[in-house]
PDB file of N, CA and C in Angstrom:
ATOM      1  N   MET A   1      13.675  -7.471 -27.814  1.00  0.00           N
ATOM      2  CA  MET A   1      13.334  -8.388 -28.883  1.00  0.00           C
ATOM      3  C   MET A   1      13.560  -9.811 -28.392  1.00  0.00           C
ATOM      4  N   LEU A   2      12.735 -10.716 -28.855  1.00  0.00           N
ATOM      5  CA  LEU A   2      12.881 -12.122 -28.487  1.00  0.00           C
ATOM      6  C   LEU A   2      14.163 -12.685 -29.087  1.00  0.00           C
ATOM      7  N   SER A   3      14.865 -13.474 -28.302  1.00  0.00           N
ATOM      8  CA  SER A   3      16.057 -14.140 -28.809  1.00  0.00           C
ATOM      9  C   SER A   3      15.632 -15.268 -29.750  1.00  0.00           C
ATOM     10  N   ALA A   4      16.601 -15.797 -30.486  1.00  0.00           N
ATOM     11  CA  ALA A   4      16.300 -16.907 -31.395  1.00  0.00           C
ATOM     12  C   ALA A   4      15.768 -18.104 -30.613  1.00  0.00           C
ATOM     13  N   THR A   5      16.314 -18.348 -29.431  1.00  0.00           N
ATOM     14  CA  THR A   5      15.846 -19.449 -28.590  1.00  0.00           C
ATOM     15  C   THR A   5      14.406 -19.224 -28.147  1.00  0.00           C
ATOM     16  N   GLU A   6      14.102 -17.991 -27.699  1.00  0.00           N
ATOM     17  CA  GLU A   6      12.733 -17.687 -27.257  1.00  0.00           C
ATOM     18  C   GLU A   6      11.740 -17.823 -28.410  1.00  0.00           C
ATOM     19  N   ARG A   7      12.126 -17.365 -29.597  1.00  0.00           N
ATOM     20  CA  ARG A   7      11.243 -17.501 -30.761  1.00  0.00           C
ATOM     21  C   ARG A   7      11.003 -18.969 -31.068  1.00  0.00           C
ATOM     22  N   GLY A   8      12.082 -19.784 -30.986  1.00  0.00           N
ATOM     23  CA  GLY A   8      11.961 -21.208 -31.277  1.00  0.00           C
ATOM     24  C   GLY A   8      11.075 -21.917 -30.272  1.00  0.00           C
ATOM     25  N   VAL A   9      11.223 -21.610 -29.003  1.00  0.00           N
ATOM     26  CA  VAL A   9      10.421 -22.247 -27.955  1.00  0.00           C
ATOM     27  C   VAL A   9       8.952 -21.887 -28.134  1.00  0.00           C
ATOM     28  N   ALA A  10       8.677 -20.647 -28.452  1.00  0.00           N
ATOM     29  CA  ALA A  10       7.298 -20.203 -28.624  1.00  0.00           C
ATOM     30  C   ALA A  10       6.737 -20.643 -29.975  1.00  0.00           C
ATOM     31  N   GLY A  11       7.612 -21.001 -30.906  1.00  0.00           N
ATOM     32  CA  GLY A  11       7.171 -21.455 -32.211  1.00  0.00           C
ATOM     33  C   GLY A  11       6.872 -20.346 -33.204  1.00  0.00           C
ATOM     34  N   PHE A  12       7.303 -19.133 -32.937  1.00  0.00           N
ATOM     35  CA  PHE A  12       7.012 -18.010 -33.827  1.00  0.00           C
ATOM     36  C   PHE A  12       8.070 -17.886 -34.922  1.00  0.00           C
ATOM     37  N   THR A  13       7.622 -17.414 -36.079  1.00  0.00           N
ATOM     38  CA  THR A  13       8.538 -17.097 -37.178  1.00  0.00           C
ATOM     39  C   THR A  13       8.231 -15.686 -37.655  1.00  0.00           C
ATOM     40  N   ASP A  14       9.120 -15.152 -38.437  1.00  0.00           N
ATOM     41  CA  ASP A  14       8.938 -13.813 -39.021  1.00  0.00           C
ATOM     42  C   ASP A  14       8.603 -12.769 -37.952  1.00  0.00           C
ATOM     43  N   VAL A  15       9.311 -12.798 -36.851  1.00  0.00           N
ATOM     44  CA  VAL A  15       9.061 -11.854 -35.761  1.00  0.00           C
ATOM     45  C   VAL A  15       9.562 -10.475 -36.173  1.00  0.00           C
ATOM     46  N   LYS A  16       8.711  -9.488 -36.017  1.00  0.00           N
ATOM     47  CA  LYS A  16       9.064  -8.112 -36.368  1.00  0.00           C
ATOM     48  C   LYS A  16       8.668  -7.193 -35.216  1.00  0.00           C
ATOM     49  N   ARG A  17       9.600  -6.376 -34.769  1.00  0.00           N
ATOM     50  CA  ARG A  17       9.342  -5.379 -33.726  1.00  0.00           C
ATOM     51  C   ARG A  17       8.881  -4.086 -34.395  1.00  0.00           C
ATOM     52  N   VAL A  18       7.777  -3.527 -33.920  1.00  0.00           N
ATOM     53  CA  VAL A  18       7.252  -2.291 -34.501  1.00  0.00           C
ATOM     54  C   VAL A  18       7.072  -1.243 -33.408  1.00  0.00           C
ATOM     55  N   GLN A  19       7.325   0.004 -33.768  1.00  0.00           N
ATOM     56  CA  GLN A  19       7.071   1.114 -32.861  1.00  0.00           C
ATOM     57  C   GLN A  19       5.763   1.773 -33.278  1.00  0.00           C
ATOM     58  N   ILE A  20       4.932   2.044 -32.284  1.00  0.00           N
ATOM     59  CA  ILE A  20       3.616   2.611 -32.544  1.00  0.00           C
ATOM     60  C   ILE A  20       3.592   4.034 -32.003  1.00  0.00           C
ATOM     61  N   PRO A  21       3.458   5.039 -32.869  1.00  0.00           N
ATOM     62  CA  PRO A  21       3.416   6.418 -32.381  1.00  0.00           C
ATOM     63  C   PRO A  21       2.200   6.628 -31.483  1.00  0.00           C
ATOM     64  N   PHE A  22       2.429   7.201 -30.307  1.00  0.00           N
ATOM     65  CA  PHE A  22       1.346   7.405 -29.359  1.00  0.00           C
ATOM     66  C   PHE A  22       1.653   8.619 -28.502  1.00  0.00           C
ATOM     67  N   VAL A  23       0.644   9.432 -28.258  1.00  0.00           N
ATOM     68  CA  VAL A  23       0.824  10.633 -27.438  1.00  0.00           C
ATOM     69  C   VAL A  23      -0.393  10.801 -26.533  1.00  0.00           C
ATOM     70  N   TRP A  24      -0.142  11.057 -25.253  1.00  0.00           N
ATOM     71  CA  TRP A  24      -1.206  11.476 -24.345  1.00  0.00           C
ATOM     72  C   TRP A  24      -1.325  12.984 -24.449  1.00  0.00           C
ATOM     73  N   GLU A  25      -2.546  13.505 -24.395  1.00  0.00           N
ATOM     74  CA  GLU A  25      -2.768  14.950 -24.355  1.00  0.00           C
ATOM     75  C   GLU A  25      -3.602  15.287 -23.134  1.00  0.00           C
ATOM     76  N   PHE A  26      -3.257  16.403 -22.485  1.00  0.00           N
ATOM     77  CA  PHE A  26      -3.917  16.816 -21.255  1.00  0.00           C
ATOM     78  C   PHE A  26      -4.296  18.288 -21.327  1.00  0.00           C
ATOM     79  N   ALA A  27      -5.376  18.621 -20.650  1.00  0.00           N
ATOM     80  CA  ALA A  27      -5.850  20.004 -20.614  1.00  0.00           C
ATOM     81  C   ALA A  27      -4.957  20.881 -19.747  1.00  0.00           C
ATOM     82  N   ASP A  28      -4.363  20.290 -18.702  1.00  0.00           N
ATOM     83  CA  ASP A  28      -3.567  21.091 -17.764  1.00  0.00           C
ATOM     84  C   ASP A  28      -2.617  20.179 -16.977  1.00  0.00           C
ATOM     85  N   PRO A  29      -1.651  20.767 -16.266  1.00  0.00           N
ATOM     86  CA  PRO A  29      -0.686  19.973 -15.507  1.00  0.00           C
ATOM     87  C   PRO A  29      -1.322  19.086 -14.436  1.00  0.00           C
ATOM     88  N   GLU A  30      -2.427  19.518 -13.865  1.00  0.00           N
ATOM     89  CA  GLU A  30      -3.089  18.712 -12.841  1.00  0.00           C
ATOM     90  C   GLU A  30      -3.641  17.408 -13.443  1.00  0.00           C
ATOM     91  N   ALA A  31      -4.244  17.508 -14.613  1.00  0.00           N
ATOM     92  CA  ALA A  31      -4.757  16.304 -15.292  1.00  0.00           C
ATOM     93  C   ALA A  31      -3.600  15.378 -15.664  1.00  0.00           C
ATOM     94  N   TYR A  32      -2.478  15.951 -16.100  1.00  0.00           N
ATOM     95  CA  TYR A  32      -1.288  15.159 -16.418  1.00  0.00           C
ATOM     96  C   TYR A  32      -0.826  14.382 -15.185  1.00  0.00           C
ATOM     97  N   ALA A  33      -0.704  15.078 -14.049  1.00  0.00           N
ATOM     98  CA  ALA A  33      -0.217  14.448 -12.823  1.00  0.00           C
ATOM     99  C   ALA A  33      -1.154  13.324 -12.371  1.00  0.00           C
ATOM    100  N   ARG A  34      -2.469  13.545 -12.456  1.00  0.00           N
ATOM    101  CA  ARG A  34      -3.422  12.512 -12.047  1.00  0.00           C
ATOM    102  C   ARG A  34      -3.329  11.281 -12.953  1.00  0.00           C
ATOM    103  N   ALA A  35      -3.195  11.507 -14.266  1.00  0.00           N
ATOM    104  CA  ALA A  35      -3.084  10.378 -15.195  1.00  0.00           C
ATOM    105  C   ALA A  35      -1.783   9.615 -14.958  1.00  0.00           C
ATOM    106  N   LEU A  36      -0.707  10.337 -14.770  1.00  0.00           N
ATOM    107  CA  LEU A  36       0.576   9.694 -14.523  1.00  0.00           C
ATOM    108  C   LEU A  36       0.530   8.879 -13.229  1.00  0.00           C
ATOM    109  N   ALA A  37      -0.154   9.408 -12.222  1.00  0.00           N
ATOM    110  CA  ALA A  37      -0.251   8.723 -10.923  1.00  0.00           C
ATOM    111  C   ALA A  37      -1.019   7.411 -11.024  1.00  0.00           C
ATOM    112  N   SER A  38      -1.802   7.228 -12.079  1.00  0.00           N
ATOM    113  CA  SER A  38      -2.604   6.011 -12.217  1.00  0.00           C
ATOM    114  C   SER A  38      -1.824   4.853 -12.836  1.00  0.00           C
ATOM    115  N   THR A  39      -0.572   5.077 -13.214  1.00  0.00           N
ATOM    116  CA  THR A  39       0.213   4.026 -13.859  1.00  0.00           C
ATOM    117  C   THR A  39       0.945   3.164 -12.838  1.00  0.00           C
ATOM    118  N   GLY A  40       1.307   1.973 -13.251  1.00  0.00           N
ATOM    119  CA  GLY A  40       2.028   1.054 -12.372  1.00  0.00           C
ATOM    120  C   GLY A  40       3.357   1.590 -11.865  1.00  0.00           C
ATOM    121  N   PRO A  41       4.223   2.114 -12.749  1.00  0.00           N
ATOM    122  CA  PRO A  41       5.497   2.644 -12.271  1.00  0.00           C
ATOM    123  C   PRO A  41       5.316   3.805 -11.281  1.00  0.00           C
ATOM    124  N   ALA A  42       4.275   4.595 -11.463  1.00  0.00           N
ATOM    125  CA  ALA A  42       4.029   5.708 -10.542  1.00  0.00           C
ATOM    126  C   ALA A  42       3.678   5.187  -9.155  1.00  0.00           C
ATOM    127  N   PHE A  43       2.978   4.069  -9.088  1.00  0.00           N
ATOM    128  CA  PHE A  43       2.636   3.492  -7.794  1.00  0.00           C
ATOM    129  C   PHE A  43       3.900   3.233  -6.982  1.00  0.00           C
ATOM    130  N   GLU A  44       4.894   2.642  -7.630  1.00  0.00           N
ATOM    131  CA  GLU A  44       6.153   2.353  -6.940  1.00  0.00           C
ATOM    132  C   GLU A  44       6.858   3.646  -6.539  1.00  0.00           C
ATOM    133  N   ALA A  45       6.838   4.640  -7.410  1.00  0.00           N
ATOM    134  CA  ALA A  45       7.465   5.919  -7.077  1.00  0.00           C
ATOM    135  C   ALA A  45       6.766   6.571  -5.889  1.00  0.00           C
ATOM    136  N   MET A  46       5.439   6.510  -5.864  1.00  0.00           N
ATOM    137  CA  MET A  46       4.692   7.103  -4.754  1.00  0.00           C
ATOM    138  C   MET A  46       4.963   6.375  -3.444  1.00  0.00           C
ATOM    139  N   GLN A  47       5.225   5.075  -3.535  1.00  0.00           N
ATOM    140  CA  GLN A  47       5.589   4.333  -2.331  1.00  0.00           C
ATOM    141  C   GLN A  47       6.920   4.844  -1.776  1.00  0.00           C
ATOM    142  N   ALA A  48       7.809   5.248  -2.663  1.00  0.00           N
ATOM    143  CA  ALA A  48       9.135   5.706  -2.248  1.00  0.00           C
ATOM    144  C   ALA A  48       9.139   7.146  -1.751  1.00  0.00           C
ATOM    145  N   VAL A  49       8.403   8.048  -2.435  1.00  0.00           N
ATOM    146  CA  VAL A  49       8.491   9.484  -2.093  1.00  0.00           C
ATOM    147  C   VAL A  49       7.210  10.041  -1.498  1.00  0.00           C
ATOM    148  N   GLY A  50       6.121   9.291  -1.574  1.00  0.00           N
ATOM    149  CA  GLY A  50       4.833   9.775  -1.091  1.00  0.00           C
ATOM    150  C   GLY A  50       4.006  10.346  -2.224  1.00  0.00           C
ATOM    151  N   GLU A  51       2.697  10.188  -2.104  1.00  0.00           N
ATOM    152  CA  GLU A  51       1.789  10.625  -3.174  1.00  0.00           C
ATOM    153  C   GLU A  51       1.836  12.132  -3.388  1.00  0.00           C
ATOM    154  N   VAL A  52       1.834  12.903  -2.313  1.00  0.00           N
ATOM    155  CA  VAL A  52       1.821  14.363  -2.440  1.00  0.00           C
ATOM    156  C   VAL A  52       3.077  14.845  -3.151  1.00  0.00           C
ATOM    157  N   SER A  53       4.240  14.331  -2.736  1.00  0.00           N
ATOM    158  CA  SER A  53       5.502  14.737  -3.377  1.00  0.00           C
ATOM    159  C   SER A  53       5.517  14.345  -4.849  1.00  0.00           C
ATOM    160  N   PHE A  54       5.022  13.144  -5.150  1.00  0.00           N
ATOM    161  CA  PHE A  54       4.980  12.690  -6.534  1.00  0.00           C
ATOM    162  C   PHE A  54       4.114  13.617  -7.383  1.00  0.00           C
ATOM    163  N   LEU A  55       2.900  13.898  -6.903  1.00  0.00           N
ATOM    164  CA  LEU A  55       1.982  14.746  -7.666  1.00  0.00           C
ATOM    165  C   LEU A  55       2.544  16.152  -7.851  1.00  0.00           C
ATOM    166  N   GLN A  56       3.155  16.710  -6.823  1.00  0.00           N
ATOM    167  CA  GLN A  56       3.754  18.043  -6.937  1.00  0.00           C
ATOM    168  C   GLN A  56       4.866  18.055  -7.981  1.00  0.00           C
ATOM    169  N   ALA A  57       5.739  17.043  -7.943  1.00  0.00           N
ATOM    170  CA  ALA A  57       6.838  16.977  -8.907  1.00  0.00           C
ATOM    171  C   ALA A  57       6.309  16.817 -10.330  1.00  0.00           C
ATOM    172  N   ALA A  58       5.290  15.982 -10.504  1.00  0.00           N
ATOM    173  CA  ALA A  58       4.712  15.768 -11.840  1.00  0.00           C
ATOM    174  C   ALA A  58       4.080  17.058 -12.366  1.00  0.00           C
ATOM    175  N   MET A  59       3.372  17.785 -11.499  1.00  0.00           N
ATOM    176  CA  MET A  59       2.748  19.040 -11.942  1.00  0.00           C
ATOM    177  C   MET A  59       3.805  20.088 -12.289  1.00  0.00           C
ATOM    178  N   GLU A  60       4.865  20.170 -11.497  1.00  0.00           N
ATOM    179  CA  GLU A  60       5.933  21.135 -11.793  1.00  0.00           C
ATOM    180  C   GLU A  60       6.593  20.821 -13.133  1.00  0.00           C
ATOM    181  N   LEU A  61       6.881  19.543 -13.371  1.00  0.00           N
ATOM    182  CA  LEU A  61       7.474  19.130 -14.641  1.00  0.00           C
ATOM    183  C   LEU A  61       6.545  19.491 -15.806  1.00  0.00           C
ATOM    184  N   ALA A  62       5.262  19.214 -15.642  1.00  0.00           N
ATOM    185  CA  ALA A  62       4.295  19.501 -16.703  1.00  0.00           C
ATOM    186  C   ALA A  62       4.174  21.008 -16.937  1.00  0.00           C
ATOM    187  N   ARG A  63       4.203  21.797 -15.883  1.00  0.00           N
ATOM    188  CA  ARG A  63       4.095  23.261 -16.036  1.00  0.00           C
ATOM    189  C   ARG A  63       5.221  23.823 -16.893  1.00  0.00           C
ATOM    190  N   GLU A  64       6.401  23.214 -16.818  1.00  0.00           N
ATOM    191  CA  GLU A  64       7.546  23.663 -17.618  1.00  0.00           C
ATOM    192  C   GLU A  64       7.320  23.435 -19.107  1.00  0.00           C
ATOM    193  N   ARG A  65       6.395  22.566 -19.445  1.00  0.00           N
ATOM    194  CA  ARG A  65       6.164  22.210 -20.852  1.00  0.00           C
ATOM    195  C   ARG A  65       4.878  22.795 -21.433  1.00  0.00           C
ATOM    196  N   VAL A  66       4.163  23.577 -20.657  1.00  0.00           N
ATOM    197  CA  VAL A  66       2.924  24.194 -21.143  1.00  0.00           C
ATOM    198  C   VAL A  66       3.270  25.287 -22.149  1.00  0.00           C
ATOM    199  N   ARG A  67       2.565  25.263 -23.283  1.00  0.00           N
ATOM    200  CA  ARG A  67       2.711  26.285 -24.325  1.00  0.00           C
ATOM    201  C   ARG A  67       1.331  26.875 -24.601  1.00  0.00           C
ATOM    202  N   GLU A  68       1.239  28.178 -24.580  1.00  0.00           N
ATOM    203  CA  GLU A  68      -0.038  28.871 -24.779  1.00  0.00           C
ATOM    204  C   GLU A  68      -0.712  28.411 -26.063  1.00  0.00           C
ATOM    205  N   GLY A  69      -1.986  28.022 -25.955  1.00  0.00           N
ATOM    206  CA  GLY A  69      -2.781  27.631 -27.109  1.00  0.00           C
ATOM    207  C   GLY A  69      -2.571  26.206 -27.578  1.00  0.00           C
ATOM    208  N   LEU A  70      -1.692  25.444 -26.915  1.00  0.00           N
ATOM    209  CA  LEU A  70      -1.430  24.061 -27.314  1.00  0.00           C
ATOM    210  C   LEU A  70      -1.750  23.114 -26.173  1.00  0.00           C
ATOM    211  N   PRO A  71      -2.175  21.892 -26.490  1.00  0.00           N
ATOM    212  CA  PRO A  71      -2.419  20.926 -25.420  1.00  0.00           C
ATOM    213  C   PRO A  71      -1.079  20.481 -24.825  1.00  0.00           C
ATOM    214  N   LEU A  72      -1.121  20.081 -23.599  1.00  0.00           N
ATOM    215  CA  LEU A  72       0.051  19.508 -22.943  1.00  0.00           C
ATOM    216  C   LEU A  72       0.186  18.076 -23.458  1.00  0.00           C
ATOM    217  N   ARG A  73       1.328  17.760 -24.056  1.00  0.00           N
ATOM    218  CA  ARG A  73       1.501  16.452 -24.690  1.00  0.00           C
ATOM    219  C   ARG A  73       2.589  15.650 -24.000  1.00  0.00           C
ATOM    220  N   ALA A  74       2.386  14.342 -23.931  1.00  0.00           N
ATOM    221  CA  ALA A  74       3.367  13.418 -23.378  1.00  0.00           C
ATOM    222  C   ALA A  74       3.527  12.251 -24.350  1.00  0.00           C
ATOM    223  N   PRO A  75       4.622  12.231 -25.122  1.00  0.00           N
ATOM    224  CA  PRO A  75       4.841  11.105 -26.033  1.00  0.00           C
ATOM    225  C   PRO A  75       5.130   9.825 -25.244  1.00  0.00           C
ATOM    226  N   ILE A  76       4.597   8.718 -25.706  1.00  0.00           N
ATOM    227  CA  ILE A  76       4.765   7.427 -25.060  1.00  0.00           C
ATOM    228  C   ILE A  76       5.444   6.486 -26.055  1.00  0.00           C
ATOM    229  N   ALA A  77       6.437   5.737 -25.591  1.00  0.00           N
ATOM    230  CA  ALA A  77       7.119   4.756 -26.443  1.00  0.00           C
ATOM    231  C   ALA A  77       6.352   3.436 -26.358  1.00  0.00           C
ATOM    232  N   VAL A  78       5.529   3.166 -27.367  1.00  0.00           N
ATOM    233  CA  VAL A  78       4.764   1.924 -27.422  1.00  0.00           C
ATOM    234  C   VAL A  78       5.431   1.010 -28.452  1.00  0.00           C
ATOM    235  N   VAL A  79       5.704  -0.222 -28.043  1.00  0.00           N
ATOM    236  CA  VAL A  79       6.358  -1.187 -28.914  1.00  0.00           C
ATOM    237  C   VAL A  79       5.474  -2.418 -29.004  1.00  0.00           C
ATOM    238  N   GLY A  80       5.385  -2.972 -30.182  1.00  0.00           N
ATOM    239  CA  GLY A  80       4.626  -4.194 -30.374  1.00  0.00           C
ATOM    240  C   GLY A  80       5.427  -5.183 -31.197  1.00  0.00           C
ATOM    241  N   TYR A  81       4.974  -6.403 -31.210  1.00  0.00           N
ATOM    242  CA  TYR A  81       5.629  -7.446 -31.996  1.00  0.00           C
ATOM    243  C   TYR A  81       4.599  -8.120 -32.891  1.00  0.00           C
ATOM    244  N   LEU A  82       4.982  -8.320 -34.124  1.00  0.00           N
ATOM    245  CA  LEU A  82       4.164  -9.064 -35.083  1.00  0.00           C
ATOM    246  C   LEU A  82       4.898 -10.359 -35.402  1.00  0.00           C
ATOM    247  N   ALA A  83       4.195 -11.466 -35.486  1.00  0.00           N
ATOM    248  CA  ALA A  83       4.832 -12.736 -35.767  1.00  0.00           C
ATOM    249  C   ALA A  83       3.815 -13.710 -36.335  1.00  0.00           C
ATOM    250  N   ARG A  84       4.342 -14.774 -36.858  1.00  0.00           N
ATOM    251  CA  ARG A  84       3.491 -15.851 -37.336  1.00  0.00           C
ATOM    252  C   ARG A  84       3.826 -17.118 -36.563  1.00  0.00           C
ATOM    253  N   LYS A  85       2.798 -17.910 -36.346  1.00  0.00           N
ATOM    254  CA  LYS A  85       2.987 -19.233 -35.746  1.00  0.00           C
ATOM    255  C   LYS A  85       2.645 -20.249 -36.833  1.00  0.00           C
ATOM    256  N   PRO A  86       3.657 -20.959 -37.305  1.00  0.00           N
ATOM    257  CA  PRO A  86       3.433 -21.886 -38.403  1.00  0.00           C
ATOM    258  C   PRO A  86       2.387 -22.952 -38.068  1.00  0.00           C
ATOM    259  N   GLY A  87       1.712 -23.381 -39.121  1.00  0.00           N
ATOM    260  CA  GLY A  87       0.757 -24.487 -38.971  1.00  0.00           C
ATOM    261  C   GLY A  87      -0.555 -23.993 -38.645  1.00  0.00           C
TER     262      GLY A  87
END
């Protein structure tokens, strides 16, 4: 959350932090691993452990969460801010 100083410098008032429910759904663990690999944080992880190791670990993790007849789901913590700028 923005500090009082940051809000003042930016000129915002009535700042409100909101959580936005969001879920990724995938057909299978391979699709999950490919989507995860396309994110910025995954790029850094792949630099550290290698792309093959990253993809294998992501698929193994996803396989543990597969439930027959249900899509593979990955909840995402999305946060937004609402504010007003006076004038």
